[in-house]
């Protein structure tokens, strides 16, 4: 229950979908650019329907639910077919809910104590959030010594310009960010039906991760 479903991408798009019709074409566009994982957040009411649409229509996409913060959220995202969940934080009731549901989960952390608590719950991968406010690269390097067995997905302040600086660290498994699906680009794509701009952003991140250099 603590292992994520398999996917290849080192970049996880953190997505706020405002209309369910955006979900499936966005998933196809990301896949075309080499990204096979999506974190669709619950920050907008369309999020649940969007997760369900992708889960049903795009089986090649590993679709997870973000901003999962309550036991009720867990029940809802399981019902719509999310394959994993992420949270900005971690509470006893939330961890109990995801473990009861056998839902793969990435808890949010910001301090060494929270990382240790997540490890006590059995999690080896955690989400450093918000990464820049939590100390970014410096914090991850500092935690790499005493907590070398833990792996991180920093999110919040990660961009194309710095993503490979994070990915170069041995304790960073992947990065998350919203730059892959900017609201203005998504709106234009939804209006025109041309999602090639999202594919281009995905391909840019995929290529950069593969080459190991930041832009």
C-alpha atoms as a PDB file:
ATOM      1  CA  UNK A   1       0.000   0.000   0.000  1.00  0.00           C
ATOM      2  CA  UNK A   2       3.012   2.284   0.422  1.00  0.00           C
ATOM      3  CA  UNK A   3       4.365   1.792  -3.107  1.00  0.00           C
ATOM      4  CA  UNK A   4       3.180   4.030  -5.908  1.00  0.00           C
ATOM      5  CA  UNK A   5       1.829   2.528  -9.132  1.00  0.00           C
ATOM      6  CA  UNK A   6       4.563   2.313 -11.784  1.00  0.00           C
ATOM      7  CA  UNK A   7       5.261   5.301 -14.020  1.00  0.00           C
ATOM      8  CA  UNK A   8       8.333   6.574 -15.829  1.00  0.00           C
ATOM      9  CA  UNK A   9       8.213  10.358 -15.593  1.00  0.00           C
ATOM     10  CA  UNK A  10      10.457  12.199 -13.143  1.00  0.00           C
ATOM     11  CA  UNK A  11       8.148  15.239 -13.313  1.00  0.00           C
ATOM     12  CA  UNK A  12       4.654  15.125 -11.851  1.00  0.00           C
ATOM     13  CA  UNK A  13       2.302  17.814 -13.171  1.00  0.00           C
ATOM     14  CA  UNK A  14       0.304  19.397 -10.350  1.00  0.00           C
ATOM     15  CA  UNK A  15      -2.953  20.259 -12.064  1.00  0.00           C
ATOM     16  CA  UNK A  16      -6.013  22.326 -11.234  1.00  0.00           C
ATOM     17  CA  UNK A  17      -8.682  21.354 -13.759  1.00  0.00           C
ATOM     18  CA  UNK A  18     -11.586  23.785 -13.956  1.00  0.00           C
ATOM     19  CA  UNK A  19     -13.760  21.816 -16.387  1.00  0.00           C
ATOM     20  CA  UNK A  20     -13.964  18.060 -16.766  1.00  0.00           C
ATOM     21  CA  UNK A  21     -13.750  18.349 -20.567  1.00  0.00           C
ATOM     22  CA  UNK A  22     -10.110  19.456 -20.150  1.00  0.00           C
ATOM     23  CA  UNK A  23      -9.047  16.244 -18.440  1.00  0.00           C
ATOM     24  CA  UNK A  24      -8.823  13.619 -21.179  1.00  0.00           C
ATOM     25  CA  UNK A  25      -7.224  15.767 -23.902  1.00  0.00           C
ATOM     26  CA  UNK A  26      -4.744  17.059 -21.335  1.00  0.00           C
ATOM     27  CA  UNK A  27      -3.849  13.496 -20.357  1.00  0.00           C
ATOM     28  CA  UNK A  28      -3.256  12.562 -23.998  1.00  0.00           C
ATOM     29  CA  UNK A  29      -1.178  15.706 -24.537  1.00  0.00           C
ATOM     30  CA  UNK A  30       1.027  14.949 -21.525  1.00  0.00           C
ATOM     31  CA  UNK A  31       1.502  11.351 -22.649  1.00  0.00           C
ATOM     32  CA  UNK A  32       2.533  12.570 -26.102  1.00  0.00           C
ATOM     33  CA  UNK A  33       5.255  14.601 -24.375  1.00  0.00           C
ATOM     34  CA  UNK A  34       6.545  11.660 -22.362  1.00  0.00           C
ATOM     35  CA  UNK A  35       4.767  12.284 -19.048  1.00  0.00           C
ATOM     36  CA  UNK A  36       2.730   9.320 -17.841  1.00  0.00           C
ATOM     37  CA  UNK A  37       1.600  10.605 -14.425  1.00  0.00           C
ATOM     38  CA  UNK A  38      -0.833  13.349 -13.369  1.00  0.00           C
ATOM     39  CA  UNK A  39      -1.660  14.815  -9.982  1.00  0.00           C
ATOM     40  CA  UNK A  40      -5.156  16.255 -10.382  1.00  0.00           C
ATOM     41  CA  UNK A  41      -5.834  18.304  -7.289  1.00  0.00           C
ATOM     42  CA  UNK A  42      -9.078  18.705  -5.386  1.00  0.00           C
ATOM     43  CA  UNK A  43      -8.644  22.491  -5.353  1.00  0.00           C
ATOM     44  CA  UNK A  44     -11.529  22.854  -7.833  1.00  0.00           C
ATOM     45  CA  UNK A  45     -14.901  21.052  -7.766  1.00  0.00           C
ATOM     46  CA  UNK A  46     -14.159  19.601 -11.233  1.00  0.00           C
ATOM     47  CA  UNK A  47     -11.200  17.653  -9.840  1.00  0.00           C
ATOM     48  CA  UNK A  48     -13.053  14.483  -8.899  1.00  0.00           C
ATOM     49  CA  UNK A  49     -14.866  14.208 -12.221  1.00  0.00           C
ATOM     50  CA  UNK A  50     -11.586  14.894 -14.019  1.00  0.00           C
ATOM     51  CA  UNK A  51      -9.843  12.057 -12.178  1.00  0.00           C
ATOM     52  CA  UNK A  52     -12.673   9.718 -13.054  1.00  0.00           C
ATOM     53  CA  UNK A  53     -12.618  10.733 -16.718  1.00  0.00           C
ATOM     54  CA  UNK A  54      -8.868  10.105 -17.056  1.00  0.00           C
ATOM     55  CA  UNK A  55      -9.015   6.839 -15.097  1.00  0.00           C
ATOM     56  CA  UNK A  56     -11.697   5.507 -17.453  1.00  0.00           C
ATOM     57  CA  UNK A  57     -10.515   6.903 -20.795  1.00  0.00           C
ATOM     58  CA  UNK A  58      -6.699   6.976 -20.592  1.00  0.00           C
ATOM     59  CA  UNK A  59      -5.436   3.723 -19.036  1.00  0.00           C
ATOM     60  CA  UNK A  60      -1.824   4.538 -19.964  1.00  0.00           C
ATOM     61  CA  UNK A  61      -1.917   7.536 -17.616  1.00  0.00           C
ATOM     62  CA  UNK A  62      -1.200   7.023 -13.917  1.00  0.00           C
ATOM     63  CA  UNK A  63      -3.689   9.450 -12.394  1.00  0.00           C
ATOM     64  CA  UNK A  64      -3.454  10.469  -8.758  1.00  0.00           C
ATOM     65  CA  UNK A  65      -5.415  12.830  -6.553  1.00  0.00           C
ATOM     66  CA  UNK A  66      -3.745  15.832  -4.961  1.00  0.00           C
ATOM     67  CA  UNK A  67      -4.787  18.069  -2.063  1.00  0.00           C
ATOM     68  CA  UNK A  68      -6.243  15.063  -0.250  1.00  0.00           C
ATOM     69  CA  UNK A  69      -6.552  16.289   3.323  1.00  0.00           C
ATOM     70  CA  UNK A  70      -9.474  14.458   4.988  1.00  0.00           C
ATOM     71  CA  UNK A  71     -10.905  10.982   5.438  1.00  0.00           C
ATOM     72  CA  UNK A  72     -13.855  11.994   3.246  1.00  0.00           C
ATOM     73  CA  UNK A  73     -11.443  13.076   0.492  1.00  0.00           C
ATOM     74  CA  UNK A  74      -9.905   9.608   0.553  1.00  0.00           C
ATOM     75  CA  UNK A  75     -13.274   7.906   0.089  1.00  0.00           C
ATOM     76  CA  UNK A  76     -14.152  10.224  -2.777  1.00  0.00           C
ATOM     77  CA  UNK A  77     -10.912   9.795  -4.710  1.00  0.00           C
ATOM     78  CA  UNK A  78     -11.009   6.026  -4.333  1.00  0.00           C
ATOM     79  CA  UNK A  79     -14.563   6.013  -5.693  1.00  0.00           C
ATOM     80  CA  UNK A  80     -13.524   7.856  -8.856  1.00  0.00           C
ATOM     81  CA  UNK A  81     -10.535   5.652  -9.581  1.00  0.00           C
ATOM     82  CA  UNK A  82      -7.470   7.535  -8.366  1.00  0.00           C
ATOM     83  CA  UNK A  83      -4.480   5.193  -8.280  1.00  0.00           C
ATOM     84  CA  UNK A  84      -2.646   7.158  -5.583  1.00  0.00           C
ATOM     85  CA  UNK A  85      -3.054  10.254  -3.418  1.00  0.00           C
ATOM     86  CA  UNK A  86      -0.856  13.118  -2.292  1.00  0.00           C
ATOM     87  CA  UNK A  87      -1.377  15.604   0.500  1.00  0.00           C
ATOM     88  CA  UNK A  88       0.217  18.876   1.561  1.00  0.00           C
ATOM     89  CA  UNK A  89       0.481  17.412   5.058  1.00  0.00           C
ATOM     90  CA  UNK A  90      -0.227  14.397   7.214  1.00  0.00           C
ATOM     91  CA  UNK A  91      -2.599  13.619  10.077  1.00  0.00           C
ATOM     92  CA  UNK A  92      -3.340  10.429  11.977  1.00  0.00           C
ATOM     93  CA  UNK A  93      -6.871  10.207  10.592  1.00  0.00           C
ATOM     94  CA  UNK A  94      -5.715  10.801   7.016  1.00  0.00           C
ATOM     95  CA  UNK A  95      -3.018   8.138   7.213  1.00  0.00           C
ATOM     96  CA  UNK A  96      -5.495   5.704   8.756  1.00  0.00           C
ATOM     97  CA  UNK A  97      -7.973   6.392   5.955  1.00  0.00           C
ATOM     98  CA  UNK A  98      -5.509   5.791   3.116  1.00  0.00           C
ATOM     99  CA  UNK A  99      -4.189   2.657   4.809  1.00  0.00           C
ATOM    100  CA  UNK A 100      -7.724   1.351   5.369  1.00  0.00           C
ATOM    101  CA  UNK A 101      -8.422   2.004   1.679  1.00  0.00           C
ATOM    102  CA  UNK A 102      -5.065   0.453   0.635  1.00  0.00           C
ATOM    103  CA  UNK A 103      -4.476   3.590  -1.399  1.00  0.00           C
ATOM    104  CA  UNK A 104      -0.834   4.420  -2.250  1.00  0.00           C
ATOM    105  CA  UNK A 105      -0.078   7.743  -0.590  1.00  0.00           C
ATOM    106  CA  UNK A 106       2.600  10.426  -0.520  1.00  0.00           C
ATOM    107  CA  UNK A 107       2.290  12.456   2.699  1.00  0.00           C
ATOM    108  CA  UNK A 108       3.377  16.078   2.804  1.00  0.00           C
ATOM    109  CA  UNK A 109       6.233  17.101   5.105  1.00  0.00           C
ATOM    110  CA  UNK A 110       8.158  20.271   5.890  1.00  0.00           C
ATOM    111  CA  UNK A 111      10.456  19.379   8.809  1.00  0.00           C
ATOM    112  CA  UNK A 112      12.783  16.514   9.785  1.00  0.00           C
ATOM    113  CA  UNK A 113      10.356  15.532  12.540  1.00  0.00           C
ATOM    114  CA  UNK A 114       7.529  15.180  10.037  1.00  0.00           C
ATOM    115  CA  UNK A 115       9.767  13.083   7.790  1.00  0.00           C
ATOM    116  CA  UNK A 116      10.527  10.776  10.720  1.00  0.00           C
ATOM    117  CA  UNK A 117       6.828  10.531  11.548  1.00  0.00           C
ATOM    118  CA  UNK A 118       6.019   9.586   7.952  1.00  0.00           C
ATOM    119  CA  UNK A 119       8.698   6.917   8.118  1.00  0.00           C
ATOM    120  CA  UNK A 120       7.170   5.562  11.326  1.00  0.00           C
ATOM    121  CA  UNK A 121       3.907   5.172   9.396  1.00  0.00           C
ATOM    122  CA  UNK A 122       5.770   3.137   6.779  1.00  0.00           C
ATOM    123  CA  UNK A 123       6.300   5.719   4.065  1.00  0.00           C
ATOM    124  CA  UNK A 124       9.637   5.950   2.287  1.00  0.00           C
ATOM    125  CA  UNK A 125       8.580   8.635  -0.218  1.00  0.00           C
ATOM    126  CA  UNK A 126       7.280  11.993   1.018  1.00  0.00           C
ATOM    127  CA  UNK A 127       6.307  15.288  -0.568  1.00  0.00           C
ATOM    128  CA  UNK A 128       8.401  18.250   0.582  1.00  0.00           C
ATOM    129  CA  UNK A 129       5.838  21.052   0.471  1.00  0.00           C
ATOM    130  CA  UNK A 130       6.072  23.910   0.001  1.00  0.00           C
ATOM    131  CA  UNK A 131       9.596  23.087  -1.106  1.00  0.00           C
ATOM    132  CA  UNK A 132      10.979  26.592  -1.546  1.00  0.00           C
ATOM    133  CA  UNK A 133       9.594  27.849   1.776  1.00  0.00           C
ATOM    134  CA  UNK A 134      10.836  24.673   3.500  1.00  0.00           C
ATOM    135  CA  UNK A 135      14.407  25.390   2.450  1.00  0.00           C
ATOM    136  CA  UNK A 136      14.521  23.850  -1.021  1.00  0.00           C
ATOM    137  CA  UNK A 137      17.800  22.328  -2.136  1.00  0.00           C
ATOM    138  CA  UNK A 138      19.544  23.236   1.114  1.00  0.00           C
ATOM    139  CA  UNK A 139      16.936  21.483   3.243  1.00  0.00           C
ATOM    140  CA  UNK A 140      17.004  18.372   1.092  1.00  0.00           C
ATOM    141  CA  UNK A 141      20.794  18.217   1.256  1.00  0.00           C
ATOM    142  CA  UNK A 142      20.700  18.661   5.031  1.00  0.00           C
ATOM    143  CA  UNK A 143      18.128  15.906   5.514  1.00  0.00           C
ATOM    144  CA  UNK A 144      20.053  13.567   3.223  1.00  0.00           C
ATOM    145  CA  UNK A 145      22.545  12.823   5.989  1.00  0.00           C
ATOM    146  CA  UNK A 146      20.459  11.826   9.015  1.00  0.00           C
ATOM    147  CA  UNK A 147      17.491  10.634   6.940  1.00  0.00           C
ATOM    148  CA  UNK A 148      19.308   9.059   4.021  1.00  0.00           C
ATOM    149  CA  UNK A 149      16.779   6.241   3.688  1.00  0.00           C
ATOM    150  CA  UNK A 150      13.956   8.656   2.780  1.00  0.00           C
ATOM    151  CA  UNK A 151      13.079   9.861  -0.716  1.00  0.00           C
ATOM    152  CA  UNK A 152      11.386  13.125  -1.605  1.00  0.00           C
ATOM    153  CA  UNK A 153       9.116  14.694  -4.205  1.00  0.00           C
ATOM    154  CA  UNK A 154       9.691  18.440  -3.765  1.00  0.00           C
ATOM    155  CA  UNK A 155       6.737  20.544  -4.897  1.00  0.00           C
ATOM    156  CA  UNK A 156       6.228  24.282  -4.627  1.00  0.00           C
ATOM    157  CA  UNK A 157       8.781  26.532  -6.247  1.00  0.00           C
ATOM    158  CA  UNK A 158      10.052  23.849  -8.625  1.00  0.00           C
ATOM    159  CA  UNK A 159      10.290  24.921 -12.277  1.00  0.00           C
ATOM    160  CA  UNK A 160      11.907  23.974 -15.546  1.00  0.00           C
ATOM    161  CA  UNK A 161      14.821  26.218 -14.588  1.00  0.00           C
ATOM    162  CA  UNK A 162      15.673  24.362 -11.374  1.00  0.00           C
ATOM    163  CA  UNK A 163      14.075  20.908 -11.674  1.00  0.00           C
ATOM    164  CA  UNK A 164      17.327  19.136 -12.518  1.00  0.00           C
ATOM    165  CA  UNK A 165      19.087  20.748  -9.565  1.00  0.00           C
ATOM    166  CA  UNK A 166      16.537  18.899  -7.419  1.00  0.00           C
ATOM    167  CA  UNK A 167      16.657  15.682  -9.449  1.00  0.00           C
ATOM    168  CA  UNK A 168      20.451  15.589  -9.115  1.00  0.00           C
ATOM    169  CA  UNK A 169      20.128  15.044  -5.363  1.00  0.00           C
ATOM    170  CA  UNK A 170      20.293  11.366  -4.372  1.00  0.00           C
ATOM    171  CA  UNK A 171      17.273  11.640  -2.073  1.00  0.00           C
ATOM    172  CA  UNK A 172      14.970  13.192  -4.707  1.00  0.00           C
ATOM    173  CA  UNK A 173      12.906  10.612  -6.596  1.00  0.00           C
ATOM    174  CA  UNK A 174      10.822  13.043  -8.667  1.00  0.00           C
ATOM    175  CA  UNK A 175       9.610  16.636  -8.678  1.00  0.00           C
ATOM    176  CA  UNK A 176       6.131  18.130  -8.858  1.00  0.00           C
ATOM    177  CA  UNK A 177       5.079  21.390 -10.400  1.00  0.00           C
ATOM    178  CA  UNK A 178       2.323  23.428 -11.975  1.00  0.00           C
ATOM    179  CA  UNK A 179       4.480  24.899 -14.749  1.00  0.00           C
ATOM    180  CA  UNK A 180       3.619  21.956 -17.012  1.00  0.00           C
ATOM    181  CA  UNK A 181      -0.051  22.924 -17.247  1.00  0.00           C
ATOM    182  CA  UNK A 182      -0.307  26.724 -16.821  1.00  0.00           C
ATOM    183  CA  UNK A 183      -3.883  27.994 -16.544  1.00  0.00           C
ATOM    184  CA  UNK A 184      -3.573  30.357 -19.517  1.00  0.00           C
ATOM    185  CA  UNK A 185      -2.146  27.640 -21.783  1.00  0.00           C
ATOM    186  CA  UNK A 186      -4.825  25.169 -20.707  1.00  0.00           C
ATOM    187  CA  UNK A 187      -7.567  27.717 -21.336  1.00  0.00           C
ATOM    188  CA  UNK A 188      -6.235  28.439 -24.815  1.00  0.00           C
ATOM    189  CA  UNK A 189      -5.949  24.744 -25.607  1.00  0.00           C
ATOM    190  CA  UNK A 190      -9.472  24.047 -24.388  1.00  0.00           C
ATOM    191  CA  UNK A 191     -10.833  26.889 -26.495  1.00  0.00           C
ATOM    192  CA  UNK A 192      -8.998  25.895 -29.672  1.00  0.00           C
ATOM    193  CA  UNK A 193      -8.913  22.132 -29.282  1.00  0.00           C
ATOM    194  CA  UNK A 194      -5.169  22.250 -29.943  1.00  0.00           C
ATOM    195  CA  UNK A 195      -3.247  20.807 -27.010  1.00  0.00           C
ATOM    196  CA  UNK A 196       0.162  20.818 -28.674  1.00  0.00           C
ATOM    197  CA  UNK A 197       1.448  23.538 -26.320  1.00  0.00           C
ATOM    198  CA  UNK A 198       0.966  21.202 -23.345  1.00  0.00           C
ATOM    199  CA  UNK A 199       2.735  18.414 -25.230  1.00  0.00           C
ATOM    200  CA  UNK A 200       5.628  20.807 -25.915  1.00  0.00           C
ATOM    201  CA  UNK A 201       5.946  21.712 -22.218  1.00  0.00           C
ATOM    202  CA  UNK A 202       5.840  18.027 -21.262  1.00  0.00           C
ATOM    203  CA  UNK A 203       8.441  17.114 -23.870  1.00  0.00           C
ATOM    204  CA  UNK A 204      10.714  19.940 -22.723  1.00  0.00           C
ATOM    205  CA  UNK A 205      10.633  18.653 -19.136  1.00  0.00           C
ATOM    206  CA  UNK A 206      11.053  15.040 -20.243  1.00  0.00           C
ATOM    207  CA  UNK A 207      14.071  15.881 -22.396  1.00  0.00           C
ATOM    208  CA  UNK A 208      15.664  18.008 -19.699  1.00  0.00           C
ATOM    209  CA  UNK A 209      15.265  15.280 -17.060  1.00  0.00           C
ATOM    210  CA  UNK A 210      16.805  12.771 -19.457  1.00  0.00           C
ATOM    211  CA  UNK A 211      19.813  14.961 -20.173  1.00  0.00           C
ATOM    212  CA  UNK A 212      20.414  15.885 -16.535  1.00  0.00           C
ATOM    213  CA  UNK A 213      20.921  19.630 -17.005  1.00  0.00           C
ATOM    214  CA  UNK A 214      18.781  22.581 -15.955  1.00  0.00           C
ATOM    215  CA  UNK A 215      17.759  25.250 -18.438  1.00  0.00           C
END
